[in-house]
Amino acid sequence: MNPDRLSQILSAFPGRTVLVVGDFFLDKYLIIEHSLAEISLETGLEAHQVVEVRCSPGAAGTVTNNLRAMEVNVIALSVIGDDGEGFELLKKLDASGVDLDSLIIRSDRFTPTYTKPMLRERDGSAHELNRLDIKNRTKTPAEVEDRLIAALRGLLPRVHGVIIADQVPEADCGVITARVREELCSLARAYPTVVFAADSRERIGLFEDVILKPNEREATRAVHGPNAVGLDRAGVLAAGEALYRKVGQPVFLTLGADGMVVFHQDGPTAIPAVKVTGPIDIVGAGDATLAGIVSALCAGATMPEAGEIGCLAAGVTIQQIGTTGTASRAQIAALHAQAPLL
């Protein structure tokens, strides 16, 4: 893609609106100063001393952060708890300019939260301790599904794209239950001009008539079952092709450092990853990729062009060490000028 074409696509982002429906998590980092450790008088155990707390939206919130960094308008549709974690999540999303009017707040649900204790040593280095997860482990109530489906139907005429973020491993305990998934697939058929794209850790093979963005593990498990392991590259690509034939919409199969392959009506297209130097941090790269793909498609990009922009977005974020990075339009353009893909 030449720079003028990239500029044309990126310039359309601020005029596009994307609905992000799915599981919004709170990522909560607790910075522990090792040198300040105390011993509890009651238990005799070491009491970690927290000197800093950092909160940021995770899961669907990471996708949303990238969309907003690209200046795409975002509507969030999810279910969170009436709790402190929900308050922190709402504060962060609101500060980034996300439309929160459709969020459902429930006193009987947790706000999904990953609490990540980070132990800072005396030399200034830090490493993560065991993570503490807060998730809903009971089924999403039918009345909540009703509200989600009603909101989806009301919001579709307002948006150019829909990103489905199915992040909860436990079936039917998150936002994208079987019933909500079926409704989303039905709406994708009813609104063919709206870009629908799904990302799912455990159930990507259950979607139909929407664009998919699986990684190697997700694609192979979707085709060969949960115990599929050890496929070579040819086997992984065959799984991507099979998933494309099954779902009836393009599949953006991400391959880590090897970029991605886009399966679409013109045949498979390989998109190389951007070559970067120095240390990298891959946390959140897939979410940046998805945000770039959907934003580009909403702006009129072809499937290969959208794949290239997704790879560029990931190339920007992996250079942001120690944080879940985002990619702005200016950063994407600058990286393309520095290391064009094609």
Protein backbone atom coordinates (compact mmCIF):
# COMPACT_ATOMS: atom_id res chain seq x y z
CA MET A 1 0.00 0.00 0.00
CA ASN A 2 1.45 3.36 -0.93
CA PRO A 3 1.48 6.26 1.58
CA ASP A 4 -1.28 8.18 -0.19
CA ARG A 5 -3.67 5.23 -0.01
CA LEU A 6 -2.82 4.66 3.66
CA SER A 7 -3.45 8.35 4.38
CA GLN A 8 -6.80 8.19 2.57
CA ILE A 9 -7.95 5.25 4.72
CA LEU A 10 -6.65 6.66 8.01
CA SER A 11 -8.22 10.06 7.37
CA ALA A 12 -11.68 8.45 7.34
CA PHE A 13 -11.35 6.94 10.84
CA PRO A 14 -12.76 9.93 12.81
CA GLY A 15 -15.97 9.75 10.77
CA ARG A 16 -16.63 6.12 11.67
CA THR A 17 -18.47 4.63 14.66
CA VAL A 18 -17.82 1.14 16.00
CA LEU A 19 -19.90 -0.73 18.55
CA VAL A 20 -17.76 -2.87 20.88
CA VAL A 21 -19.89 -5.57 22.48
CA GLY A 22 -18.43 -8.08 24.88
CA ASP A 23 -16.45 -8.53 28.05
CA PHE A 24 -14.88 -5.37 29.44
CA PHE A 25 -12.33 -6.18 32.13
CA LEU A 26 -10.48 -3.94 34.55
CA ASP A 27 -6.72 -4.49 34.60
CA LYS A 28 -5.58 -3.46 38.08
CA TYR A 29 -1.84 -3.27 38.75
CA LEU A 30 -0.61 -3.17 42.35
CA ILE A 31 2.99 -1.93 42.56
CA ILE A 32 4.61 -3.50 45.61
CA GLU A 33 7.82 -2.04 47.08
CA HIS A 34 9.86 -5.01 48.28
CA SER A 35 12.10 -2.89 50.48
CA LEU A 36 9.09 -1.80 52.56
CA ALA A 37 7.90 -5.32 53.39
CA GLU A 38 6.52 -5.85 56.89
CA ILE A 39 5.74 -8.94 58.91
CA SER A 40 2.16 -9.29 60.08
CA LEU A 41 1.96 -9.54 63.88
CA GLU A 42 -1.20 -11.65 63.60
CA THR A 43 -0.05 -14.23 61.05
CA GLY A 44 3.72 -13.97 60.89
CA LEU A 45 3.44 -13.71 57.10
CA GLU A 46 5.04 -11.06 54.97
CA ALA A 47 2.70 -8.14 54.29
CA HIS A 48 3.28 -6.67 50.83
CA GLN A 49 3.27 -2.88 50.80
CA VAL A 50 1.46 -1.33 47.82
CA VAL A 51 2.85 2.07 46.85
CA GLU A 52 1.03 2.60 43.54
CA VAL A 53 -2.21 1.42 41.93
CA ARG A 54 -2.75 1.61 38.16
CA CYS A 55 -6.05 0.74 36.51
CA SER A 56 -6.84 0.42 32.81
CA PRO A 57 -9.60 -1.13 30.69
CA GLY A 58 -8.74 -4.66 29.56
CA ALA A 59 -10.13 -7.33 27.21
CA ALA A 60 -12.80 -5.48 25.17
CA GLY A 61 -11.48 -2.33 26.84
CA THR A 62 -8.08 -2.82 25.19
CA VAL A 63 -9.75 -2.93 21.78
CA THR A 64 -11.67 0.20 22.73
CA ASN A 65 -8.49 1.98 23.84
CA ASN A 66 -6.97 1.34 20.43
CA LEU A 67 -10.07 2.48 18.56
CA ARG A 68 -10.08 5.73 20.50
CA ALA A 69 -6.34 6.19 19.93
CA MET A 70 -7.16 5.91 16.21
CA GLU A 71 -9.91 8.55 16.73
CA VAL A 72 -12.73 6.16 15.86
CA ASN A 73 -16.00 6.85 17.66
CA VAL A 74 -16.88 4.00 20.05
CA ILE A 75 -20.08 2.78 21.69
CA ALA A 76 -19.59 0.21 24.47
CA LEU A 77 -22.14 -2.50 25.20
CA SER A 78 -21.40 -4.76 28.14
CA VAL A 79 -22.42 -5.85 31.63
CA ILE A 80 -20.40 -4.78 34.67
CA GLY A 81 -20.91 -4.87 38.40
CA ASP A 82 -22.11 -2.13 40.71
CA ASP A 83 -18.77 -2.21 42.51
CA GLY A 84 -15.50 -0.36 42.94
CA GLU A 85 -13.91 -2.10 39.99
CA GLY A 86 -16.85 -1.02 37.83
CA PHE A 87 -16.43 2.56 39.02
CA GLU A 88 -12.75 2.54 38.03
CA LEU A 89 -13.53 0.98 34.65
CA LEU A 90 -16.25 3.52 33.87
CA LYS A 91 -13.96 6.39 34.86
CA LYS A 92 -11.24 5.24 32.47
CA LEU A 93 -13.61 4.57 29.57
CA ASP A 94 -15.35 7.91 30.05
CA ALA A 95 -12.03 9.76 30.09
CA SER A 96 -11.20 8.33 26.66
CA GLY A 97 -14.49 9.52 25.18
CA VAL A 98 -16.36 6.22 24.89
CA ASP A 99 -20.18 6.34 24.67
CA LEU A 100 -21.27 4.49 27.83
CA ASP A 101 -25.04 5.00 27.63
CA SER A 102 -25.68 1.36 26.73
CA LEU A 103 -23.61 -0.24 29.50
CA ILE A 104 -25.63 -2.43 31.87
CA ILE A 105 -24.72 -2.18 35.57
CA ARG A 106 -25.87 -4.98 37.85
CA SER A 107 -25.48 -5.45 41.59
CA ASP A 108 -25.61 -9.25 41.12
CA ARG A 109 -22.60 -9.40 38.73
CA PHE A 110 -18.90 -8.79 39.24
CA THR A 111 -16.92 -6.39 37.11
CA PRO A 112 -14.39 -8.86 35.62
CA THR A 113 -10.99 -7.86 36.97
CA TYR A 114 -7.41 -9.04 36.58
CA THR A 115 -5.47 -7.89 39.65
CA LYS A 116 -1.76 -8.02 38.86
CA PRO A 117 0.65 -7.59 41.80
CA MET A 118 4.00 -6.27 40.54
CA LEU A 119 6.89 -6.72 42.97
CA ARG A 120 9.51 -3.99 42.61
CA GLU A 121 12.93 -5.10 43.81
CA ARG A 122 15.57 -2.93 45.46
CA ASP A 123 17.41 -2.54 42.14
CA GLY A 124 14.27 -1.09 40.50
CA SER A 125 13.39 -4.18 38.46
CA ALA A 126 9.87 -5.56 38.75
CA HIS A 127 8.17 -8.88 38.12
CA GLU A 128 4.57 -10.02 38.28
CA LEU A 129 3.36 -12.20 41.14
CA ASN A 130 0.41 -14.58 40.97
CA ARG A 131 -2.54 -12.85 39.36
CA LEU A 132 -5.86 -12.52 41.21
CA ASP A 133 -8.89 -12.98 38.94
CA ILE A 134 -12.43 -11.79 39.60
CA LYS A 135 -14.91 -13.31 37.13
CA ASN A 136 -18.57 -14.26 36.98
CA ARG A 137 -18.90 -18.01 37.32
CA THR A 138 -22.69 -18.21 37.15
CA LYS A 139 -24.79 -17.99 34.00
CA THR A 140 -25.71 -14.56 32.67
CA PRO A 141 -29.39 -14.03 33.60
CA ALA A 142 -31.96 -14.25 30.79
CA GLU A 143 -33.23 -10.75 31.58
CA VAL A 144 -29.70 -9.39 31.01
CA GLU A 145 -29.56 -11.21 27.67
CA ASP A 146 -32.90 -9.58 26.79
CA ARG A 147 -31.45 -6.13 27.51
CA LEU A 148 -28.30 -6.84 25.49
CA ILE A 149 -30.29 -8.02 22.49
CA ALA A 150 -32.65 -5.05 22.65
CA ALA A 151 -29.66 -2.69 22.81
CA LEU A 152 -28.00 -4.38 19.84
CA ARG A 153 -31.10 -3.99 17.72
CA GLY A 154 -31.41 -0.33 18.66
CA LEU A 155 -27.75 0.53 18.07
CA LEU A 156 -27.12 -1.17 14.72
CA PRO A 157 -28.53 1.64 12.55
CA ARG A 158 -26.04 4.05 14.18
CA VAL A 159 -22.77 2.21 13.55
CA HIS A 160 -20.41 1.30 10.73
CA GLY A 161 -18.88 -1.69 12.48
CA VAL A 162 -19.33 -4.12 15.36
CA ILE A 163 -16.48 -5.75 17.26
CA ILE A 164 -17.46 -8.83 19.26
CA ALA A 165 -15.04 -9.46 22.15
CA ASP A 166 -15.76 -12.86 23.70
CA GLN A 167 -13.13 -13.11 26.42
CA VAL A 168 -14.73 -15.16 29.26
CA PRO A 169 -13.70 -18.84 29.04
CA GLU A 170 -16.69 -20.11 31.02
CA ALA A 171 -19.58 -20.72 28.61
CA ASP A 172 -22.58 -18.39 28.98
CA CYS A 173 -21.08 -16.58 31.99
CA GLY A 174 -20.02 -13.48 30.08
CA VAL A 175 -21.69 -11.06 27.67
CA ILE A 176 -21.45 -13.23 24.54
CA THR A 177 -23.72 -16.09 25.57
CA ALA A 178 -25.00 -18.60 23.04
CA ARG A 179 -28.20 -16.61 22.71
CA VAL A 180 -26.42 -13.26 22.24
CA ARG A 181 -24.01 -14.86 19.75
CA GLU A 182 -26.94 -16.19 17.72
CA GLU A 183 -28.50 -12.71 17.68
CA LEU A 184 -25.24 -11.13 16.54
CA CYS A 185 -24.92 -13.59 13.65
CA SER A 186 -28.52 -12.89 12.68
CA LEU A 187 -27.92 -9.13 12.77
CA ALA A 188 -24.80 -9.56 10.62
CA ARG A 189 -27.00 -11.16 7.96
CA ALA A 190 -29.63 -8.42 8.33
CA TYR A 191 -27.06 -5.57 8.07
CA PRO A 192 -24.67 -6.63 5.27
CA THR A 193 -23.14 -3.14 4.97
CA VAL A 194 -22.04 -3.12 8.62
CA VAL A 195 -18.66 -4.70 9.37
CA PHE A 196 -19.04 -7.47 11.98
CA ALA A 197 -15.85 -9.02 13.38
CA ALA A 198 -15.40 -11.46 16.24
CA ASP A 199 -12.51 -12.35 18.52
CA SER A 200 -13.06 -15.30 20.88
CA ARG A 201 -10.58 -17.22 23.00
CA GLU A 202 -12.61 -20.42 23.25
CA ARG A 203 -15.57 -20.31 20.84
CA ILE A 204 -14.50 -18.64 17.60
CA GLY A 205 -15.65 -21.66 15.59
CA LEU A 206 -19.25 -21.13 16.72
CA PHE A 207 -19.71 -17.81 14.90
CA GLU A 208 -21.27 -17.60 11.45
CA ASP A 209 -21.50 -14.81 8.86
CA VAL A 210 -19.06 -12.53 10.71
CA ILE A 211 -15.37 -11.79 10.07
CA LEU A 212 -13.06 -13.74 12.38
CA LYS A 213 -9.63 -12.91 13.80
CA PRO A 214 -8.21 -16.09 15.33
CA ASN A 215 -4.64 -16.80 16.28
CA GLU A 216 -3.01 -20.15 15.49
CA ARG A 217 -4.30 -21.88 18.63
CA GLU A 218 -7.84 -20.61 18.24
CA ALA A 219 -8.09 -21.58 14.57
CA THR A 220 -6.74 -25.10 15.05
CA ARG A 221 -8.95 -25.77 18.07
CA ALA A 222 -12.00 -24.46 16.21
CA VAL A 223 -11.41 -26.92 13.36
CA HIS A 224 -9.83 -29.92 15.07
CA GLY A 225 -11.19 -29.72 18.60
CA PRO A 226 -9.84 -28.59 21.99
CA ASN A 227 -7.00 -31.12 22.07
CA ALA A 228 -5.44 -30.08 18.76
CA VAL A 229 -1.73 -29.47 19.23
CA GLY A 230 1.49 -29.65 17.27
CA LEU A 231 0.25 -28.72 13.80
CA ASP A 232 2.92 -27.47 11.43
CA ARG A 233 2.46 -24.22 9.51
CA ALA A 234 0.73 -25.99 6.62
CA GLY A 235 -1.72 -27.55 9.07
CA VAL A 236 -2.43 -24.20 10.71
CA LEU A 237 -3.09 -22.56 7.33
CA ALA A 238 -5.38 -25.44 6.36
CA ALA A 239 -7.32 -24.81 9.56
CA GLY A 240 -7.65 -21.14 8.63
CA GLU A 241 -8.94 -22.08 5.17
CA ALA A 242 -11.43 -24.55 6.68
CA LEU A 243 -12.66 -21.90 9.13
CA TYR A 244 -13.14 -19.45 6.23
CA ARG A 245 -15.24 -21.99 4.31
CA LYS A 246 -17.31 -22.70 7.40
CA VAL A 247 -18.01 -19.15 8.52
CA GLY A 248 -18.68 -17.67 5.08
CA GLN A 249 -16.77 -14.45 5.83
CA PRO A 250 -13.09 -13.44 5.71
CA VAL A 251 -10.73 -14.85 8.32
CA PHE A 252 -7.68 -12.88 9.49
CA LEU A 253 -5.41 -15.61 10.87
CA THR A 254 -2.66 -14.01 12.96
CA LEU A 255 0.74 -15.74 13.07
CA GLY A 256 2.71 -13.71 15.61
CA ALA A 257 6.08 -12.62 14.26
CA ASP A 258 5.11 -14.00 10.84
CA GLY A 259 2.25 -11.53 10.40
CA MET A 260 -1.06 -12.92 9.20
CA VAL A 261 -2.84 -14.64 6.35
CA VAL A 262 -6.18 -13.24 5.18
CA PHE A 263 -8.59 -15.80 3.75
CA HIS A 264 -11.11 -14.03 1.52
CA GLN A 265 -12.90 -14.34 -1.81
CA ASP A 266 -9.78 -13.54 -3.84
CA GLY A 267 -7.79 -16.30 -2.15
CA PRO A 268 -5.34 -16.37 0.77
CA THR A 269 -3.19 -13.25 1.11
CA ALA A 270 -0.08 -13.26 3.30
CA ILE A 271 0.62 -10.03 5.19
CA PRO A 272 4.12 -9.85 6.73
CA ALA A 273 4.65 -8.44 10.19
CA VAL A 274 6.50 -5.17 10.54
CA LYS A 275 10.14 -5.73 11.37
CA VAL A 276 11.05 -3.81 14.52
CA THR A 277 14.31 -3.63 16.43
CA GLY A 278 14.94 -3.66 20.15
CA PRO A 279 12.84 -5.18 22.96
CA ILE A 280 9.15 -5.88 22.37
CA ASP A 281 6.09 -6.51 24.55
CA ILE A 282 3.34 -8.44 22.75
CA VAL A 283 0.62 -7.89 25.38
CA GLY A 284 -2.43 -6.44 23.62
CA ALA A 285 -1.02 -6.82 20.10
CA GLY A 286 -4.00 -8.90 18.97
CA ASP A 287 -6.45 -6.28 20.20
CA ALA A 288 -4.59 -3.54 18.36
CA THR A 289 -4.65 -5.71 15.23
CA LEU A 290 -8.41 -6.18 15.47
CA ALA A 291 -9.02 -2.47 16.04
CA GLY A 292 -6.91 -1.62 12.99
CA ILE A 293 -8.62 -4.21 10.78
CA VAL A 294 -12.17 -3.14 11.62
CA SER A 295 -11.43 0.59 11.48
CA ALA A 296 -9.86 0.14 8.04
CA LEU A 297 -12.76 -1.94 6.71
CA CYS A 298 -15.23 0.66 7.97
CA ALA A 299 -13.17 3.26 6.09
CA GLY A 300 -13.43 1.35 2.80
CA ALA A 301 -10.19 -0.65 2.81
CA THR A 302 -9.88 -3.94 0.98
CA MET A 303 -9.28 -7.09 3.02
CA PRO A 304 -5.50 -7.12 2.37
CA GLU A 305 -5.28 -3.38 3.11
CA ALA A 306 -7.12 -3.91 6.39
CA GLY A 307 -4.74 -6.73 7.26
CA GLU A 308 -1.76 -4.50 6.58
CA ILE A 309 -3.13 -1.74 8.82
CA GLY A 310 -3.80 -4.32 11.52
CA CYS A 311 -0.16 -5.48 11.33
CA LEU A 312 1.05 -1.88 11.47
CA ALA A 313 -1.07 -1.21 14.56
CA ALA A 314 0.41 -4.27 16.25
CA GLY A 315 3.90 -3.16 15.22
CA VAL A 316 3.36 0.13 17.03
CA THR A 317 2.03 -1.40 20.24
CA ILE A 318 4.66 -4.12 20.70
CA GLN A 319 7.32 -1.42 21.00
CA GLN A 320 5.60 -0.01 24.10
CA ILE A 321 7.28 -1.94 26.92
CA GLY A 322 5.59 -2.73 30.23
CA THR A 323 2.17 -1.50 29.22
CA THR A 324 -0.75 -2.53 27.03
CA GLY A 325 -0.02 -0.12 24.22
CA THR A 326 -2.18 1.66 21.67
CA ALA A 327 -1.55 2.83 18.12
CA SER A 328 -2.59 6.26 16.84
CA ARG A 329 -3.12 7.12 13.19
CA ALA A 330 0.07 9.20 13.20
CA GLN A 331 2.08 6.32 14.69
CA ILE A 332 0.70 3.88 12.11
CA ALA A 333 1.64 6.24 9.27
CA ALA A 334 5.10 6.82 10.73
CA LEU A 335 5.82 3.10 11.08
CA HIS A 336 4.63 2.49 7.50
CA ALA A 337 7.03 5.17 6.25
CA GLN A 338 9.86 3.63 8.26
CA ALA A 339 9.22 -0.01 7.34
CA PRO A 340 6.55 -0.45 4.64
CA LEU A 341 5.08 -3.91 4.47
CA LEU A 342 4.43 -4.17 0.74
